[in-house]
Amino acid sequence: MGAKLPAITARKLVRFLKKRGFEEDRQRGSHLTLINRITRRIVTVPIHTGADIGRGLLQKILATAGFTPQDFNNLR
């Protein structure tokens, strides 16, 4: 059974990703694109002030970035 992910803000997710080697690449409207130049992974995070990122979307973003829900819960 997988670890349960919390609902978090985009700001906290971006902070988590930046601490793990991702850099801001570009932003268009309310979507921020981050890139990890070592792993060559690219993730897009929707930035909506005052709204949490849903658990399903958070899981997809983490998978794209190369993290499991367990990694996220252990590393944050």
PDB file of N, CA and C in Angstrom:
ATOM      1  N   MET A   1       0.847  -1.180   0.000  1.00  0.00           N
ATOM      2  CA  MET A   1       0.000   0.000   0.000  1.00  0.00           C
ATOM      3  C   MET A   1       0.891   1.241   0.000  1.00  0.00           C
ATOM      4  N   GLY A   2       0.549   2.215  -0.815  1.00  0.00           N
ATOM      5  CA  GLY A   2       1.369   3.412  -0.966  1.00  0.00           C
ATOM      6  C   GLY A   2       1.185   4.403   0.164  1.00  0.00           C
ATOM      7  N   ALA A   3       2.137   5.290   0.263  1.00  0.00           N
ATOM      8  CA  ALA A   3       2.072   6.344   1.271  1.00  0.00           C
ATOM      9  C   ALA A   3       1.051   7.388   0.841  1.00  0.00           C
ATOM     10  N   LYS A   4       0.331   7.916   1.794  1.00  0.00           N
ATOM     11  CA  LYS A   4      -0.665   8.933   1.486  1.00  0.00           C
ATOM     12  C   LYS A   4       0.020  10.289   1.352  1.00  0.00           C
ATOM     13  N   LEU A   5      -0.301  10.969   0.281  1.00  0.00           N
ATOM     14  CA  LEU A   5       0.287  12.283   0.033  1.00  0.00           C
ATOM     15  C   LEU A   5      -0.577  13.374   0.651  1.00  0.00           C
ATOM     16  N   PRO A   6       0.052  14.397   1.198  1.00  0.00           N
ATOM     17  CA  PRO A   6      -0.714  15.525   1.728  1.00  0.00           C
ATOM     18  C   PRO A   6      -1.107  16.465   0.599  1.00  0.00           C
ATOM     19  N   ALA A   7      -2.121  17.253   0.815  1.00  0.00           N
ATOM     20  CA  ALA A   7      -2.452  18.330  -0.127  1.00  0.00           C
ATOM     21  C   ALA A   7      -1.549  19.499   0.249  1.00  0.00           C
ATOM     22  N   ILE A   8      -0.745  19.965  -0.706  1.00  0.00           N
ATOM     23  CA  ILE A   8       0.182  21.061  -0.424  1.00  0.00           C
ATOM     24  C   ILE A   8       0.009  22.160  -1.457  1.00  0.00           C
ATOM     25  N   THR A   9       0.575  23.309  -1.153  1.00  0.00           N
ATOM     26  CA  THR A   9       0.512  24.425  -2.094  1.00  0.00           C
ATOM     27  C   THR A   9       1.599  24.257  -3.153  1.00  0.00           C
ATOM     28  N   ALA A  10       1.420  24.933  -4.266  1.00  0.00           N
ATOM     29  CA  ALA A  10       2.409  24.894  -5.343  1.00  0.00           C
ATOM     30  C   ALA A  10       3.738  25.457  -4.856  1.00  0.00           C
ATOM     31  N   ARG A  11       3.677  26.455  -4.021  1.00  0.00           N
ATOM     32  CA  ARG A  11       4.895  27.086  -3.504  1.00  0.00           C
ATOM     33  C   ARG A  11       5.761  26.078  -2.744  1.00  0.00           C
ATOM     34  N   LYS A  12       5.122  25.238  -1.916  1.00  0.00           N
ATOM     35  CA  LYS A  12       5.865  24.226  -1.159  1.00  0.00           C
ATOM     36  C   LYS A  12       6.428  23.154  -2.088  1.00  0.00           C
ATOM     37  N   LEU A  13       5.674  22.791  -3.113  1.00  0.00           N
ATOM     38  CA  LEU A  13       6.155  21.796  -4.065  1.00  0.00           C
ATOM     39  C   LEU A  13       7.353  22.326  -4.842  1.00  0.00           C
ATOM     40  N   VAL A  14       7.286  23.574  -5.280  1.00  0.00           N
ATOM     41  CA  VAL A  14       8.400  24.182  -6.008  1.00  0.00           C
ATOM     42  C   VAL A  14       9.635  24.230  -5.110  1.00  0.00           C
ATOM     43  N   ARG A  15       9.460  24.583  -3.852  1.00  0.00           N
ATOM     44  CA  ARG A  15      10.582  24.619  -2.905  1.00  0.00           C
ATOM     45  C   ARG A  15      11.206  23.225  -2.763  1.00  0.00           C
ATOM     46  N   PHE A  16      10.362  22.202  -2.647  1.00  0.00           N
ATOM     47  CA  PHE A  16      10.841  20.819  -2.546  1.00  0.00           C
ATOM     48  C   PHE A  16      11.666  20.442  -3.778  1.00  0.00           C
ATOM     49  N   LEU A  17      11.154  20.764  -4.962  1.00  0.00           N
ATOM     50  CA  LEU A  17      11.843  20.401  -6.198  1.00  0.00           C
ATOM     51  C   LEU A  17      13.162  21.162  -6.361  1.00  0.00           C
ATOM     52  N   LYS A  18      13.169  22.438  -5.987  1.00  0.00           N
ATOM     53  CA  LYS A  18      14.396  23.233  -6.109  1.00  0.00           C
ATOM     54  C   LYS A  18      15.496  22.697  -5.200  1.00  0.00           C
ATOM     55  N   LYS A  19      15.126  22.212  -4.025  1.00  0.00           N
ATOM     56  CA  LYS A  19      16.117  21.648  -3.103  1.00  0.00           C
ATOM     57  C   LYS A  19      16.718  20.357  -3.649  1.00  0.00           C
ATOM     58  N   ARG A  20      16.034  19.752  -4.631  1.00  0.00           N
ATOM     59  CA  ARG A  20      16.501  18.498  -5.212  1.00  0.00           C
ATOM     60  C   ARG A  20      17.034  18.663  -6.624  1.00  0.00           C
ATOM     61  N   GLY A  21      17.499  19.869  -6.950  1.00  0.00           N
ATOM     62  CA  GLY A  21      18.208  20.067  -8.203  1.00  0.00           C
ATOM     63  C   GLY A  21      17.427  20.654  -9.358  1.00  0.00           C
ATOM     64  N   PHE A  22      16.156  20.944  -9.173  1.00  0.00           N
ATOM     65  CA  PHE A  22      15.375  21.545 -10.250  1.00  0.00           C
ATOM     66  C   PHE A  22      15.552  23.059 -10.234  1.00  0.00           C
ATOM     67  N   GLU A  23      15.531  23.655 -11.419  1.00  0.00           N
ATOM     68  CA  GLU A  23      15.654  25.105 -11.572  1.00  0.00           C
ATOM     69  C   GLU A  23      14.467  25.607 -12.380  1.00  0.00           C
ATOM     70  N   GLU A  24      14.086  26.852 -12.114  1.00  0.00           N
ATOM     71  CA  GLU A  24      13.019  27.454 -12.917  1.00  0.00           C
ATOM     72  C   GLU A  24      13.523  27.624 -14.341  1.00  0.00           C
ATOM     73  N   ASP A  25      12.748  27.141 -15.293  1.00  0.00           N
ATOM     74  CA  ASP A  25      13.119  27.260 -16.698  1.00  0.00           C
ATOM     75  C   ASP A  25      12.324  28.384 -17.352  1.00  0.00           C
ATOM     76  N   ARG A  26      11.006  28.332 -17.188  1.00  0.00           N
ATOM     77  CA  ARG A  26      10.153  29.374 -17.765  1.00  0.00           C
ATOM     78  C   ARG A  26       8.787  29.335 -17.088  1.00  0.00           C
ATOM     79  N   GLN A  27       8.033  30.409 -17.285  1.00  0.00           N
ATOM     80  CA  GLN A  27       6.672  30.460 -16.778  1.00  0.00           C
ATOM     81  C   GLN A  27       5.794  31.080 -17.840  1.00  0.00           C
ATOM     82  N   ARG A  28       4.664  30.445 -18.066  1.00  0.00           N
ATOM     83  CA  ARG A  28       3.699  30.988 -19.008  1.00  0.00           C
ATOM     84  C   ARG A  28       2.353  31.002 -18.300  1.00  0.00           C
ATOM     85  N   GLY A  29       1.862  32.186 -18.052  1.00  0.00           N
ATOM     86  CA  GLY A  29       0.608  32.303 -17.317  1.00  0.00           C
ATOM     87  C   GLY A  29       0.774  31.767 -15.907  1.00  0.00           C
ATOM     88  N   SER A  30      -0.092  30.826 -15.551  1.00  0.00           N
ATOM     89  CA  SER A  30      -0.068  30.296 -14.188  1.00  0.00           C
ATOM     90  C   SER A  30       0.674  28.964 -14.086  1.00  0.00           C
ATOM     91  N   HIS A  31       1.468  28.613 -15.088  1.00  0.00           N
ATOM     92  CA  HIS A  31       2.195  27.349 -15.065  1.00  0.00           C
ATOM     93  C   HIS A  31       3.703  27.595 -15.098  1.00  0.00           C
ATOM     94  N   LEU A  32       4.390  27.051 -14.103  1.00  0.00           N
ATOM     95  CA  LEU A  32       5.836  27.192 -13.972  1.00  0.00           C
ATOM     96  C   LEU A  32       6.492  25.890 -14.420  1.00  0.00           C
ATOM     97  N   THR A  33       7.468  25.996 -15.300  1.00  0.00           N
ATOM     98  CA  THR A  33       8.203  24.828 -15.768  1.00  0.00           C
ATOM     99  C   THR A  33       9.568  24.810 -15.101  1.00  0.00           C
ATOM    100  N   LEU A  34       9.886  23.668 -14.493  1.00  0.00           N
ATOM    101  CA  LEU A  34      11.179  23.481 -13.842  1.00  0.00           C
ATOM    102  C   LEU A  34      11.931  22.371 -14.563  1.00  0.00           C
ATOM    103  N   ILE A  35      13.257  22.482 -14.575  1.00  0.00           N
ATOM    104  CA  ILE A  35      14.084  21.492 -15.251  1.00  0.00           C
ATOM    105  C   ILE A  35      15.228  21.079 -14.339  1.00  0.00           C
ATOM    106  N   ASN A  36      15.551  19.794 -14.381  1.00  0.00           N
ATOM    107  CA  ASN A  36      16.737  19.288 -13.702  1.00  0.00           C
ATOM    108  C   ASN A  36      17.747  18.998 -14.800  1.00  0.00           C
ATOM    109  N   ARG A  37      18.774  19.788 -14.876  1.00  0.00           N
ATOM    110  CA  ARG A  37      19.728  19.684 -15.983  1.00  0.00           C
ATOM    111  C   ARG A  37      20.592  18.424 -15.900  1.00  0.00           C
ATOM    112  N   ILE A  38      20.681  17.813 -14.738  1.00  0.00           N
ATOM    113  CA  ILE A  38      21.463  16.582 -14.593  1.00  0.00           C
ATOM    114  C   ILE A  38      20.659  15.381 -15.102  1.00  0.00           C
ATOM    115  N   THR A  39      19.420  15.247 -14.622  1.00  0.00           N
ATOM    116  CA  THR A  39      18.588  14.112 -15.027  1.00  0.00           C
ATOM    117  C   THR A  39      17.801  14.403 -16.302  1.00  0.00           C
ATOM    118  N   ARG A  40      17.794  15.665 -16.732  1.00  0.00           N
ATOM    119  CA  ARG A  40      17.081  16.117 -17.926  1.00  0.00           C
ATOM    120  C   ARG A  40      15.565  15.908 -17.812  1.00  0.00           C
ATOM    121  N   ARG A  41      15.070  15.958 -16.592  1.00  0.00           N
ATOM    122  CA  ARG A  41      13.625  15.843 -16.358  1.00  0.00           C
ATOM    123  C   ARG A  41      13.010  17.233 -16.326  1.00  0.00           C
ATOM    124  N   ILE A  42      11.820  17.339 -16.882  1.00  0.00           N
ATOM    125  CA  ILE A  42      11.096  18.606 -16.937  1.00  0.00           C
ATOM    126  C   ILE A  42       9.730  18.392 -16.300  1.00  0.00           C
ATOM    127  N   VAL A  43       9.359  19.278 -15.377  1.00  0.00           N
ATOM    128  CA  VAL A  43       8.038  19.209 -14.749  1.00  0.00           C
ATOM    129  C   VAL A  43       7.365  20.572 -14.828  1.00  0.00           C
ATOM    130  N   THR A  44       6.058  20.544 -14.929  1.00  0.00           N
ATOM    131  CA  THR A  44       5.265  21.765 -14.954  1.00  0.00           C
ATOM    132  C   THR A  44       4.362  21.772 -13.733  1.00  0.00           C
ATOM    133  N   VAL A  45       4.398  22.878 -12.997  1.00  0.00           N
ATOM    134  CA  VAL A  45       3.611  23.015 -11.772  1.00  0.00           C
ATOM    135  C   VAL A  45       2.620  24.158 -11.958  1.00  0.00           C
ATOM    136  N   PRO A  46       1.318  23.896 -11.772  1.00  0.00           N
ATOM    137  CA  PRO A  46       0.344  24.983 -11.848  1.00  0.00           C
ATOM    138  C   PRO A  46       0.432  25.851 -10.597  1.00  0.00           C
ATOM    139  N   ILE A  47       0.541  27.154 -10.793  1.00  0.00           N
ATOM    140  CA  ILE A  47       0.655  28.092  -9.681  1.00  0.00           C
ATOM    141  C   ILE A  47      -0.672  28.830  -9.545  1.00  0.00           C
ATOM    142  N   HIS A  48      -1.487  28.387  -8.596  1.00  0.00           N
ATOM    143  CA  HIS A  48      -2.769  29.038  -8.336  1.00  0.00           C
ATOM    144  C   HIS A  48      -2.777  29.457  -6.874  1.00  0.00           C
ATOM    145  N   THR A  49      -2.652  30.734  -6.627  1.00  0.00           N
ATOM    146  CA  THR A  49      -2.545  31.264  -5.280  1.00  0.00           C
ATOM    147  C   THR A  49      -3.753  30.862  -4.440  1.00  0.00           C
ATOM    148  N   GLY A  50      -3.466  30.359  -3.253  1.00  0.00           N
ATOM    149  CA  GLY A  50      -4.523  30.021  -2.312  1.00  0.00           C
ATOM    150  C   GLY A  50      -5.144  28.658  -2.526  1.00  0.00           C
ATOM    151  N   ALA A  51      -4.723  27.923  -3.556  1.00  0.00           N
ATOM    152  CA  ALA A  51      -5.298  26.606  -3.821  1.00  0.00           C
ATOM    153  C   ALA A  51      -4.229  25.531  -3.657  1.00  0.00           C
ATOM    154  N   ASP A  52      -4.623  24.417  -3.060  1.00  0.00           N
ATOM    155  CA  ASP A  52      -3.706  23.292  -2.915  1.00  0.00           C
ATOM    156  C   ASP A  52      -3.662  22.488  -4.206  1.00  0.00           C
ATOM    157  N   ILE A  53      -2.554  21.809  -4.397  1.00  0.00           N
ATOM    158  CA  ILE A  53      -2.436  20.878  -5.516  1.00  0.00           C
ATOM    159  C   ILE A  53      -3.063  19.571  -5.059  1.00  0.00           C
ATOM    160  N   GLY A  54      -3.949  19.032  -5.857  1.00  0.00           N
ATOM    161  CA  GLY A  54      -4.624  17.786  -5.508  1.00  0.00           C
ATOM    162  C   GLY A  54      -3.645  16.625  -5.404  1.00  0.00           C
ATOM    163  N   ARG A  55      -4.042  15.610  -4.663  1.00  0.00           N
ATOM    164  CA  ARG A  55      -3.154  14.474  -4.429  1.00  0.00           C
ATOM    165  C   ARG A  55      -2.806  13.733  -5.716  1.00  0.00           C
ATOM    166  N   GLY A  56      -3.775  13.592  -6.609  1.00  0.00           N
ATOM    167  CA  GLY A  56      -3.523  12.905  -7.875  1.00  0.00           C
ATOM    168  C   GLY A  56      -2.521  13.649  -8.734  1.00  0.00           C
ATOM    169  N   LEU A  57      -2.697  14.963  -8.849  1.00  0.00           N
ATOM    170  CA  LEU A  57      -1.769  15.776  -9.633  1.00  0.00           C
ATOM    171  C   LEU A  57      -0.393  15.793  -8.977  1.00  0.00           C
ATOM    172  N   LEU A  58      -0.352  15.870  -7.657  1.00  0.00           N
ATOM    173  CA  LEU A  58       0.921  15.843  -6.940  1.00  0.00           C
ATOM    174  C   LEU A  58       1.663  14.543  -7.231  1.00  0.00           C
ATOM    175  N   GLN A  59       0.953  13.435  -7.224  1.00  0.00           N
ATOM    176  CA  GLN A  59       1.574  12.142  -7.504  1.00  0.00           C
ATOM    177  C   GLN A  59       2.131  12.105  -8.930  1.00  0.00           C
ATOM    178  N   LYS A  60       1.400  12.648  -9.900  1.00  0.00           N
ATOM    179  CA  LYS A  60       1.867  12.693 -11.292  1.00  0.00           C
ATOM    180  C   LYS A  60       3.113  13.562 -11.428  1.00  0.00           C
ATOM    181  N   ILE A  61       3.111  14.729 -10.778  1.00  0.00           N
ATOM    182  CA  ILE A  61       4.265  15.633 -10.850  1.00  0.00           C
ATOM    183  C   ILE A  61       5.488  14.964 -10.229  1.00  0.00           C
ATOM    184  N   LEU A  62       5.312  14.317  -9.083  1.00  0.00           N
ATOM    185  CA  LEU A  62       6.432  13.632  -8.429  1.00  0.00           C
ATOM    186  C   LEU A  62       6.969  12.500  -9.297  1.00  0.00           C
ATOM    187  N   ALA A  63       6.073  11.743  -9.933  1.00  0.00           N
ATOM    188  CA  ALA A  63       6.513  10.647 -10.802  1.00  0.00           C
ATOM    189  C   ALA A  63       7.308  11.185 -11.986  1.00  0.00           C
ATOM    190  N   THR A  64       6.846  12.277 -12.566  1.00  0.00           N
ATOM    191  CA  THR A  64       7.556  12.895 -13.684  1.00  0.00           C
ATOM    192  C   THR A  64       8.934  13.377 -13.240  1.00  0.00           C
ATOM    193  N   ALA A  65       9.022  13.863 -12.009  1.00  0.00           N
ATOM    194  CA  ALA A  65      10.292  14.357 -11.475  1.00  0.00           C
ATOM    195  C   ALA A  65      11.209  13.224 -11.016  1.00  0.00           C
ATOM    196  N   GLY A  66      10.681  12.006 -10.946  1.00  0.00           N
ATOM    197  CA  GLY A  66      11.502  10.861 -10.554  1.00  0.00           C
ATOM    198  C   GLY A  66      11.422  10.506  -9.086  1.00  0.00           C
ATOM    199  N   PHE A  67      10.369  10.934  -8.411  1.00  0.00           N
ATOM    200  CA  PHE A  67      10.193  10.647  -6.990  1.00  0.00           C
ATOM    201  C   PHE A  67       8.953   9.793  -6.772  1.00  0.00           C
ATOM    202  N   THR A  68       8.982   8.971  -5.730  1.00  0.00           N
ATOM    203  CA  THR A  68       7.803   8.215  -5.327  1.00  0.00           C
ATOM    204  C   THR A  68       7.123   8.975  -4.188  1.00  0.00           C
ATOM    205  N   PRO A  69       5.875   8.646  -3.889  1.00  0.00           N
ATOM    206  CA  PRO A  69       5.231   9.284  -2.731  1.00  0.00           C
ATOM    207  C   PRO A  69       6.014   9.048  -1.434  1.00  0.00           C
ATOM    208  N   GLN A  70       6.634   7.872  -1.302  1.00  0.00           N
ATOM    209  CA  GLN A  70       7.432   7.580  -0.112  1.00  0.00           C
ATOM    210  C   GLN A  70       8.648   8.504  -0.047  1.00  0.00           C
ATOM    211  N   ASP A  71       9.296   8.729  -1.199  1.00  0.00           N
ATOM    212  CA  ASP A  71      10.426   9.667  -1.240  1.00  0.00           C
ATOM    213  C   ASP A  71       9.986  11.041  -0.750  1.00  0.00           C
ATOM    214  N   PHE A  72       8.858  11.492  -1.258  1.00  0.00           N
ATOM    215  CA  PHE A  72       8.366  12.821  -0.910  1.00  0.00           C
ATOM    216  C   PHE A  72       8.110  12.927   0.587  1.00  0.00           C
ATOM    217  N   ASN A  73       7.436  11.942   1.150  1.00  0.00           N
ATOM    218  CA  ASN A  73       7.120  11.980   2.582  1.00  0.00           C
ATOM    219  C   ASN A  73       8.373  11.876   3.447  1.00  0.00           C
ATOM    220  N   ASN A  74       9.381  11.135   2.986  1.00  0.00           N
ATOM    221  CA  ASN A  74      10.612  10.972   3.764  1.00  0.00           C
ATOM    222  C   ASN A  74      11.548  12.166   3.634  1.00  0.00           C
ATOM    223  N   LEU A  75      11.544  12.827   2.478  1.00  0.00           N
ATOM    224  CA  LEU A  75      12.514  13.882   2.210  1.00  0.00           C
ATOM    225  C   LEU A  75      12.054  15.284   2.575  1.00  0.00           C
ATOM    226  N   ARG A  76      10.777  15.497   2.707  1.00  0.00           N
ATOM    227  CA  ARG A  76      10.328  16.877   2.935  1.00  0.00           C
ATOM    228  C   ARG A  76      10.441  17.259   4.345  1.00  0.00           C
TER     229      ARG A  76
END
